[in-house]
Full PDB file with SEQRES, HELIX, SHEET, SSBOND, CRYST1, ORIGX, SCALE, CONECT and MASTER records, all heavy atoms in Angstrom:
SEQRES   1 A   30  GLN LEU ILE LYS PRO ARG VAL SER LYS LYS LEU GLY SER          
SEQRES   2 A   30  ARG PHE LYS ASN LEU THR ASN ILE SER MET ASP GLU ILE          
SEQRES   3 A   30  ASN GLU TYR GLY                                              
HELIX    1 AA1 SER A   13  THR A   19  1                                   7    
HELIX    2 AA2 MET A   23  TYR A   29  1                                   7    
CRYST1    1.000    1.000    1.000  90.00  90.00  90.00 P 1           1          
ORIGX1      1.000000  0.000000  0.000000        0.00000                         
ORIGX2      0.000000  1.000000  0.000000        0.00000                         
ORIGX3      0.000000  0.000000  1.000000        0.00000                         
SCALE1      1.000000  0.000000  0.000000        0.00000                         
SCALE2      0.000000  1.000000  0.000000        0.00000                         
SCALE3      0.000000  0.000000  1.000000        0.00000                         
ATOM      1  N   GLN A   1     108.039  74.992 102.083  1.00  0.00           N  
ATOM      2  CA  GLN A   1     108.409  76.291 101.555  1.00  0.00           C  
ATOM      3  C   GLN A   1     107.166  77.024 101.032  1.00  0.00           C  
ATOM      4  O   GLN A   1     106.387  76.459 100.263  1.00  0.00           O  
ATOM      5  CB  GLN A   1     109.423  76.147 100.422  1.00  0.00           C  
ATOM      6  CG  GLN A   1     109.892  77.466  99.838  1.00  0.00           C  
ATOM      7  CD  GLN A   1     110.596  78.322 100.879  1.00  0.00           C  
ATOM      8  OE1 GLN A   1     111.624  77.930 101.441  1.00  0.00           O  
ATOM      9  NE2 GLN A   1     110.044  79.504 101.151  1.00  0.00           N  
ATOM     10  N   LEU A   2     107.017  78.269 101.459  1.00  0.00           N  
ATOM     11  CA  LEU A   2     106.002  79.144 100.877  1.00  0.00           C  
ATOM     12  C   LEU A   2     106.573  79.774  99.609  1.00  0.00           C  
ATOM     13  O   LEU A   2     107.785  80.006  99.501  1.00  0.00           O  
ATOM     14  CB  LEU A   2     105.599  80.238 101.858  1.00  0.00           C  
ATOM     15  CG  LEU A   2     104.714  79.799 103.023  1.00  0.00           C  
ATOM     16  CD1 LEU A   2     104.618  80.906 104.068  1.00  0.00           C  
ATOM     17  CD2 LEU A   2     103.321  79.423 102.526  1.00  0.00           C  
ATOM     18  N   ILE A   3     105.699  80.037  98.637  1.00  0.00           N  
ATOM     19  CA  ILE A   3     106.124  80.551  97.331  1.00  0.00           C  
ATOM     20  C   ILE A   3     105.363  81.833  97.019  1.00  0.00           C  
ATOM     21  O   ILE A   3     104.130  81.877  97.116  1.00  0.00           O  
ATOM     22  CB  ILE A   3     105.874  79.501  96.234  1.00  0.00           C  
ATOM     23  CG1 ILE A   3     106.676  78.230  96.532  1.00  0.00           C  
ATOM     24  CG2 ILE A   3     106.225  80.050  94.855  1.00  0.00           C  
ATOM     25  CD1 ILE A   3     106.310  77.055  95.653  1.00  0.00           C  
ATOM     26  N   LYS A   4     106.099  82.860  96.652  1.00  0.00           N  
ATOM     27  CA  LYS A   4     105.456  84.132  96.311  1.00  0.00           C  
ATOM     28  C   LYS A   4     104.766  84.001  94.947  1.00  0.00           C  
ATOM     29  O   LYS A   4     105.412  83.651  93.954  1.00  0.00           O  
ATOM     30  CB  LYS A   4     106.493  85.244  96.260  1.00  0.00           C  
ATOM     31  CG  LYS A   4     107.063  85.605  97.628  1.00  0.00           C  
ATOM     32  CD  LYS A   4     108.070  86.745  97.535  1.00  0.00           C  
ATOM     33  CE  LYS A   4     108.586  87.123  98.919  1.00  0.00           C  
ATOM     34  NZ  LYS A   4     109.582  88.220  98.863  1.00  0.00           N  
ATOM     35  N   PRO A   5     103.475  84.275  94.894  1.00  0.00           N  
ATOM     36  CA  PRO A   5     102.752  84.131  93.617  1.00  0.00           C  
ATOM     37  C   PRO A   5     103.179  85.173  92.599  1.00  0.00           C  
ATOM     38  O   PRO A   5     103.529  86.302  92.949  1.00  0.00           O  
ATOM     39  CB  PRO A   5     101.287  84.317  94.024  1.00  0.00           C  
ATOM     40  CG  PRO A   5     101.329  85.094  95.298  1.00  0.00           C  
ATOM     41  CD  PRO A   5     102.596  84.696  95.995  1.00  0.00           C  
ATOM     42  N   ARG A   6     103.158  84.785  91.343  1.00  0.00           N  
ATOM     43  CA  ARG A   6     103.485  85.698  90.239  1.00  0.00           C  
ATOM     44  C   ARG A   6     102.230  86.210  89.547  1.00  0.00           C  
ATOM     45  O   ARG A   6     102.192  87.348  89.090  1.00  0.00           O  
ATOM     46  CB  ARG A   6     104.355  84.978  89.201  1.00  0.00           C  
ATOM     47  CG  ARG A   6     105.722  84.544  89.669  1.00  0.00           C  
ATOM     48  CD  ARG A   6     106.483  83.890  88.511  1.00  0.00           C  
ATOM     49  NE  ARG A   6     107.782  83.383  88.907  1.00  0.00           N  
ATOM     50  CZ  ARG A   6     108.620  82.778  88.078  1.00  0.00           C  
ATOM     51  NH1 ARG A   6     108.299  82.634  86.795  1.00  0.00           N  
ATOM     52  NH2 ARG A   6     109.785  82.319  88.507  1.00  0.00           N  
ATOM     53  N   VAL A   7     101.228  85.354  89.449  1.00  0.00           N  
ATOM     54  CA  VAL A   7     100.048  85.689  88.647  1.00  0.00           C  
ATOM     55  C   VAL A   7      99.084  86.570  89.420  1.00  0.00           C  
ATOM     56  O   VAL A   7      98.579  87.562  88.908  1.00  0.00           O  
ATOM     57  CB  VAL A   7      99.331  84.405  88.179  1.00  0.00           C  
ATOM     58  CG1 VAL A   7      98.030  84.740  87.453  1.00  0.00           C  
ATOM     59  CG2 VAL A   7     100.248  83.600  87.258  1.00  0.00           C  
ATOM     60  N   SER A   8      98.790  86.213  90.650  1.00  0.00           N  
ATOM     61  CA  SER A   8      97.809  86.961  91.436  1.00  0.00           C  
ATOM     62  C   SER A   8      98.390  87.315  92.794  1.00  0.00           C  
ATOM     63  O   SER A   8      98.922  86.454  93.496  1.00  0.00           O  
ATOM     64  CB  SER A   8      96.530  86.140  91.624  1.00  0.00           C  
ATOM     65  OG  SER A   8      95.611  86.821  92.448  1.00  0.00           O  
ATOM     66  N   LYS A   9      98.295  88.578  93.152  1.00  0.00           N  
ATOM     67  CA  LYS A   9      98.771  89.037  94.461  1.00  0.00           C  
ATOM     68  C   LYS A   9      97.679  88.945  95.522  1.00  0.00           C  
ATOM     69  O   LYS A   9      97.900  89.308  96.677  1.00  0.00           O  
ATOM     70  CB  LYS A   9      99.264  90.493  94.360  1.00  0.00           C  
ATOM     71  CG  LYS A   9     100.397  90.683  93.363  1.00  0.00           C  
ATOM     72  CD  LYS A   9     101.603  89.819  93.703  1.00  0.00           C  
ATOM     73  CE  LYS A   9     102.741  90.015  92.701  1.00  0.00           C  
ATOM     74  NZ  LYS A   9     103.899  89.150  92.988  1.00  0.00           N  
ATOM     75  N   LYS A  10      96.509  88.462  95.123  1.00  0.00           N  
ATOM     76  CA  LYS A  10      95.405  88.281  96.065  1.00  0.00           C  
ATOM     77  C   LYS A  10      95.127  86.806  96.252  1.00  0.00           C  
ATOM     78  O   LYS A  10      95.155  86.032  95.295  1.00  0.00           O  
ATOM     79  CB  LYS A  10      94.144  88.985  95.560  1.00  0.00           C  
ATOM     80  CG  LYS A  10      94.191  90.499  95.663  1.00  0.00           C  
ATOM     81  CD  LYS A  10      92.834  91.098  95.297  1.00  0.00           C  
ATOM     82  CE  LYS A  10      92.838  92.604  95.497  1.00  0.00           C  
ATOM     83  NZ  LYS A  10      91.500  93.200  95.193  1.00  0.00           N  
ATOM     84  N   LEU A  11      94.845  86.421  97.478  1.00  0.00           N  
ATOM     85  CA  LEU A  11      94.485  85.047  97.780  1.00  0.00           C  
ATOM     86  C   LEU A  11      92.971  84.933  97.857  1.00  0.00           C  
ATOM     87  O   LEU A  11      92.303  85.781  98.454  1.00  0.00           O  
ATOM     88  CB  LEU A  11      95.102  84.614  99.120  1.00  0.00           C  
ATOM     89  CG  LEU A  11      96.630  84.689  99.217  1.00  0.00           C  
ATOM     90  CD1 LEU A  11      97.084  84.323 100.622  1.00  0.00           C  
ATOM     91  CD2 LEU A  11      97.277  83.756  98.199  1.00  0.00           C  
ATOM     92  N   GLY A  12      92.436  83.879  97.237  1.00  0.00           N  
ATOM     93  CA  GLY A  12      90.995  83.665  97.266  1.00  0.00           C  
ATOM     94  C   GLY A  12      90.508  83.391  98.684  1.00  0.00           C  
ATOM     95  O   GLY A  12      91.236  82.838  99.514  1.00  0.00           O  
ATOM     96  N   SER A  13      89.270  83.765  98.952  1.00  0.00           N  
ATOM     97  CA  SER A  13      88.712  83.581 100.296  1.00  0.00           C  
ATOM     98  C   SER A  13      88.652  82.103 100.669  1.00  0.00           C  
ATOM     99  O   SER A  13      88.917  81.736 101.817  1.00  0.00           O  
ATOM    100  CB  SER A  13      87.320  84.215 100.380  1.00  0.00           C  
ATOM    101  OG  SER A  13      86.460  83.671  99.399  1.00  0.00           O  
ATOM    102  N   ARG A  14      88.328  81.247  99.713  1.00  0.00           N  
ATOM    103  CA  ARG A  14      88.265  79.813 100.006  1.00  0.00           C  
ATOM    104  C   ARG A  14      89.646  79.288 100.385  1.00  0.00           C  
ATOM    105  O   ARG A  14      89.788  78.504 101.336  1.00  0.00           O  
ATOM    106  CB  ARG A  14      87.724  79.044  98.799  1.00  0.00           C  
ATOM    107  CG  ARG A  14      87.569  77.546  99.058  1.00  0.00           C  
ATOM    108  CD  ARG A  14      87.000  76.825  97.837  1.00  0.00           C  
ATOM    109  NE  ARG A  14      86.833  75.408  98.101  1.00  0.00           N  
ATOM    110  CZ  ARG A  14      87.799  74.501  98.022  1.00  0.00           C  
ATOM    111  NH1 ARG A  14      89.025  74.903  97.679  1.00  0.00           N  
ATOM    112  NH2 ARG A  14      87.575  73.233  98.276  1.00  0.00           N  
ATOM    113  N   PHE A  15      90.669  79.724  99.653  1.00  0.00           N  
ATOM    114  CA  PHE A  15      92.035  79.301  99.939  1.00  0.00           C  
ATOM    115  C   PHE A  15      92.457  79.753 101.333  1.00  0.00           C  
ATOM    116  O   PHE A  15      93.033  78.983 102.109  1.00  0.00           O  
ATOM    117  CB  PHE A  15      92.990  79.867  98.884  1.00  0.00           C  
ATOM    118  CG  PHE A  15      94.445  79.612  99.166  1.00  0.00           C  
ATOM    119  CD1 PHE A  15      95.033  78.412  98.811  1.00  0.00           C  
ATOM    120  CD2 PHE A  15      95.224  80.580  99.798  1.00  0.00           C  
ATOM    121  CE1 PHE A  15      96.379  78.174  99.081  1.00  0.00           C  
ATOM    122  CE2 PHE A  15      96.565  80.348 100.066  1.00  0.00           C  
ATOM    123  CZ  PHE A  15      97.137  79.145  99.702  1.00  0.00           C  
ATOM    124  N   LYS A  16      92.181  80.999 101.671  1.00  0.00           N  
ATOM    125  CA  LYS A  16      92.579  81.529 102.980  1.00  0.00           C  
ATOM    126  C   LYS A  16      91.846  80.824 104.109  1.00  0.00           C  
ATOM    127  O   LYS A  16      92.448  80.509 105.147  1.00  0.00           O  
ATOM    128  CB  LYS A  16      92.310  83.039 103.034  1.00  0.00           C  
ATOM    129  CG  LYS A  16      93.250  83.860 102.163  1.00  0.00           C  
ATOM    130  CD  LYS A  16      93.103  85.347 102.387  1.00  0.00           C  
ATOM    131  CE  LYS A  16      91.785  85.882 101.870  1.00  0.00           C  
ATOM    132  NZ  LYS A  16      91.689  87.345 101.983  1.00  0.00           N  
ATOM    133  N   ASN A  17      90.554  80.551 103.911  1.00  0.00           N  
ATOM    134  CA  ASN A  17      89.780  79.868 104.947  1.00  0.00           C  
ATOM    135  C   ASN A  17      90.243  78.428 105.142  1.00  0.00           C  
ATOM    136  O   ASN A  17      90.215  77.895 106.257  1.00  0.00           O  
ATOM    137  CB  ASN A  17      88.295  79.886 104.601  1.00  0.00           C  
ATOM    138  CG  ASN A  17      87.698  81.276 104.652  1.00  0.00           C  
ATOM    139  OD1 ASN A  17      88.208  82.148 105.379  1.00  0.00           O  
ATOM    140  ND2 ASN A  17      86.632  81.510 103.888  1.00  0.00           N  
ATOM    141  N   LEU A  18      90.660  77.799 104.034  1.00  0.00           N  
ATOM    142  CA  LEU A  18      91.057  76.392 104.086  1.00  0.00           C  
ATOM    143  C   LEU A  18      92.443  76.214 104.702  1.00  0.00           C  
ATOM    144  O   LEU A  18      92.676  75.274 105.475  1.00  0.00           O  
ATOM    145  CB  LEU A  18      91.036  75.804 102.669  1.00  0.00           C  
ATOM    146  CG  LEU A  18      91.000  74.289 102.505  1.00  0.00           C  
ATOM    147  CD1 LEU A  18      89.709  73.720 103.078  1.00  0.00           C  
ATOM    148  CD2 LEU A  18      91.123  73.909 101.043  1.00  0.00           C  
ATOM    149  N   THR A  19      93.362  77.097 104.355  1.00  0.00           N  
ATOM    150  CA  THR A  19      94.762  76.914 104.750  1.00  0.00           C  
ATOM    151  C   THR A  19      95.225  77.835 105.873  1.00  0.00           C  
ATOM    152  O   THR A  19      96.247  77.553 106.516  1.00  0.00           O  
ATOM    153  CB  THR A  19      95.690  77.158 103.545  1.00  0.00           C  
ATOM    154  OG1 THR A  19      95.590  78.537 103.157  1.00  0.00           O  
ATOM    155  CG2 THR A  19      95.306  76.272 102.368  1.00  0.00           C  
ATOM    156  N   ASN A  20      94.511  78.953 106.067  1.00  0.00           N  
ATOM    157  CA  ASN A  20      94.937  79.990 107.025  1.00  0.00           C  
ATOM    158  C   ASN A  20      96.264  80.631 106.626  1.00  0.00           C  
ATOM    159  O   ASN A  20      96.978  81.193 107.466  1.00  0.00           O  
ATOM    160  CB  ASN A  20      95.037  79.442 108.457  1.00  0.00           C  
ATOM    161  CG  ASN A  20      93.674  79.099 109.024  1.00  0.00           C  
ATOM    162  OD1 ASN A  20      92.712  79.853 108.851  1.00  0.00           O  
ATOM    163  ND2 ASN A  20      93.574  77.958 109.693  1.00  0.00           N  
ATOM    164  N   ILE A  21      96.604  80.528 105.339  1.00  0.00           N  
ATOM    165  CA  ILE A  21      97.788  81.209 104.820  1.00  0.00           C  
ATOM    166  C   ILE A  21      97.408  82.641 104.459  1.00  0.00           C  
ATOM    167  O   ILE A  21      96.378  82.880 103.826  1.00  0.00           O  
ATOM    168  CB  ILE A  21      98.354  80.480 103.586  1.00  0.00           C  
ATOM    169  CG1 ILE A  21      98.874  79.091 103.975  1.00  0.00           C  
ATOM    170  CG2 ILE A  21      99.478  81.293 102.943  1.00  0.00           C  
ATOM    171  CD1 ILE A  21      99.320  78.255 102.773  1.00  0.00           C  
ATOM    172  N   SER A  22      98.214  83.598 104.851  1.00  0.00           N  
ATOM    173  CA  SER A  22      97.952  85.001 104.551  1.00  0.00           C  
ATOM    174  C   SER A  22      99.068  85.560 103.668  1.00  0.00           C  
ATOM    175  O   SER A  22     100.174  85.009 103.613  1.00  0.00           O  
ATOM    176  CB  SER A  22      97.868  85.814 105.842  1.00  0.00           C  
ATOM    177  OG  SER A  22      99.141  85.853 106.474  1.00  0.00           O  
ATOM    178  N   MET A  23      98.791  86.698 103.023  1.00  0.00           N  
ATOM    179  CA  MET A  23      99.814  87.344 102.203  1.00  0.00           C  
ATOM    180  C   MET A  23     100.947  87.875 103.073  1.00  0.00           C  
ATOM    181  O   MET A  23     102.104  87.914 102.638  1.00  0.00           O  
ATOM    182  CB  MET A  23      99.215  88.482 101.381  1.00  0.00           C  
ATOM    183  CG  MET A  23      98.498  88.033 100.115  1.00  0.00           C  
ATOM    184  SD  MET A  23      99.497  87.007  98.988  1.00  0.00           S  
ATOM    185  CE  MET A  23     100.910  88.055  98.668  1.00  0.00           C  
ATOM    186  N   ASP A  24     100.645  88.245 104.312  1.00  0.00           N  
ATOM    187  CA  ASP A  24     101.709  88.698 105.220  1.00  0.00           C  
ATOM    188  C   ASP A  24     102.705  87.570 105.474  1.00  0.00           C  
ATOM    189  O   ASP A  24     103.925  87.792 105.477  1.00  0.00           O  
ATOM    190  CB  ASP A  24     101.096  89.166 106.552  1.00  0.00           C  
ATOM    191  CG  ASP A  24     100.363  90.492 106.412  1.00  0.00           C  
ATOM    192  OD1 ASP A  24     100.644  91.211 105.437  1.00  0.00           O  
ATOM    193  OD2 ASP A  24      99.511  90.782 107.272  1.00  0.00           O  
ATOM    194  N   GLU A  25     102.185  86.346 105.684  1.00  0.00           N  
ATOM    195  CA  GLU A  25     103.051  85.198 105.911  1.00  0.00           C  
ATOM    196  C   GLU A  25     103.876  84.892 104.664  1.00  0.00           C  
ATOM    197  O   GLU A  25     105.077  84.585 104.749  1.00  0.00           O  
ATOM    198  CB  GLU A  25     102.214  83.978 106.307  1.00  0.00           C  
ATOM    199  CG  GLU A  25     103.038  82.756 106.671  1.00  0.00           C  
ATOM    200  CD  GLU A  25     102.183  81.534 106.998  1.00  0.00           C  
ATOM    201  OE1 GLU A  25     100.933  81.628 106.928  1.00  0.00           O  
ATOM    202  OE2 GLU A  25     102.777  80.478 107.298  1.00  0.00           O  
ATOM    203  N   ILE A  26     103.233  84.973 103.490  1.00  0.00           N  
ATOM    204  CA  ILE A  26     103.944  84.701 102.236  1.00  0.00           C  
ATOM    205  C   ILE A  26     105.035  85.741 101.988  1.00  0.00           C  
ATOM    206  O   ILE A  26     106.163  85.401 101.602  1.00  0.00           O  
ATOM    207  CB  ILE A  26     102.954  84.679 101.059  1.00  0.00           C  
ATOM    208  CG1 ILE A  26     102.018  83.477 101.176  1.00  0.00           C  
ATOM    209  CG2 ILE A  26     103.702  84.633  99.728  1.00  0.00           C  
ATOM    210  CD1 ILE A  26     100.890  83.474 100.170  1.00  0.00           C  
ATOM    211  N   ASN A  27     104.711  87.013 102.221  1.00  0.00           N  
ATOM    212  CA  ASN A  27     105.700  88.069 101.998  1.00  0.00           C  
ATOM    213  C   ASN A  27     106.901  87.933 102.935  1.00  0.00           C  
ATOM    214  O   ASN A  27     108.024  88.288 102.574  1.00  0.00           O  
ATOM    215  CB  ASN A  27     105.052  89.438 102.187  1.00  0.00           C  
ATOM    216  CG  ASN A  27     104.083  89.780 101.052  1.00  0.00           C  
ATOM    217  OD1 ASN A  27     104.258  89.318  99.937  1.00  0.00           O  
ATOM    218  ND2 ASN A  27     103.069  90.583 101.359  1.00  0.00           N  
ATOM    219  N   GLU A  28     106.664  87.407 104.144  1.00  0.00           N  
ATOM    220  CA  GLU A  28     107.751  87.264 105.103  1.00  0.00           C  
ATOM    221  C   GLU A  28     108.611  86.027 104.838  1.00  0.00           C  
ATOM    222  O   GLU A  28     109.841  86.084 104.945  1.00  0.00           O  
ATOM    223  CB  GLU A  28     107.186  87.205 106.524  1.00  0.00           C  
ATOM    224  CG  GLU A  28     108.265  87.155 107.602  1.00  0.00           C  
ATOM    225  CD  GLU A  28     107.709  87.265 109.013  1.00  0.00           C  
ATOM    226  OE1 GLU A  28     106.478  87.410 109.159  1.00  0.00           O  
ATOM    227  OE2 GLU A  28     108.519  87.212 109.968  1.00  0.00           O  
ATOM    228  N   TYR A  29     107.953  84.916 104.479  1.00  0.00           N  
ATOM    229  CA  TYR A  29     108.686  83.656 104.381  1.00  0.00           C  
ATOM    230  C   TYR A  29     108.750  83.068 102.959  1.00  0.00           C  
ATOM    231  O   TYR A  29     109.474  82.099 102.732  1.00  0.00           O  
ATOM    232  CB  TYR A  29     108.048  82.592 105.296  1.00  0.00           C  
ATOM    233  CG  TYR A  29     108.048  82.982 106.748  1.00  0.00           C  
ATOM    234  CD1 TYR A  29     106.857  83.360 107.385  1.00  0.00           C  
ATOM    235  CD2 TYR A  29     109.223  82.975 107.489  1.00  0.00           C  
ATOM    236  CE1 TYR A  29     106.849  83.719 108.723  1.00  0.00           C  
ATOM    237  CE2 TYR A  29     109.223  83.334 108.832  1.00  0.00           C  
ATOM    238  CZ  TYR A  29     108.031  83.710 109.444  1.00  0.00           C  
ATOM    239  OH  TYR A  29     108.019  84.068 110.773  1.00  0.00           O  
ATOM    240  N   GLY A  30     108.025  83.643 102.034  1.00  0.00           N  
ATOM    241  CA  GLY A  30     107.977  83.085 100.692  1.00  0.00           C  
ATOM    242  C   GLY A  30     109.178  83.456  99.840  1.00  0.00           C  
ATOM    243  O   GLY A  30     109.830  84.474 100.060  1.00  0.00           O  
TER     244      GLY A  30                                                      
MASTER        0    0    0    2    0    0    0    6  243    1    0    3          
END                                                                             
């Protein structure tokens, strides 16, 4: 399950590079 963040609406570059998770994916499935 993807989870919509409450604290930060931005994903860190390291996190995105490591997981390939995007905010578009989170907004659709989170």
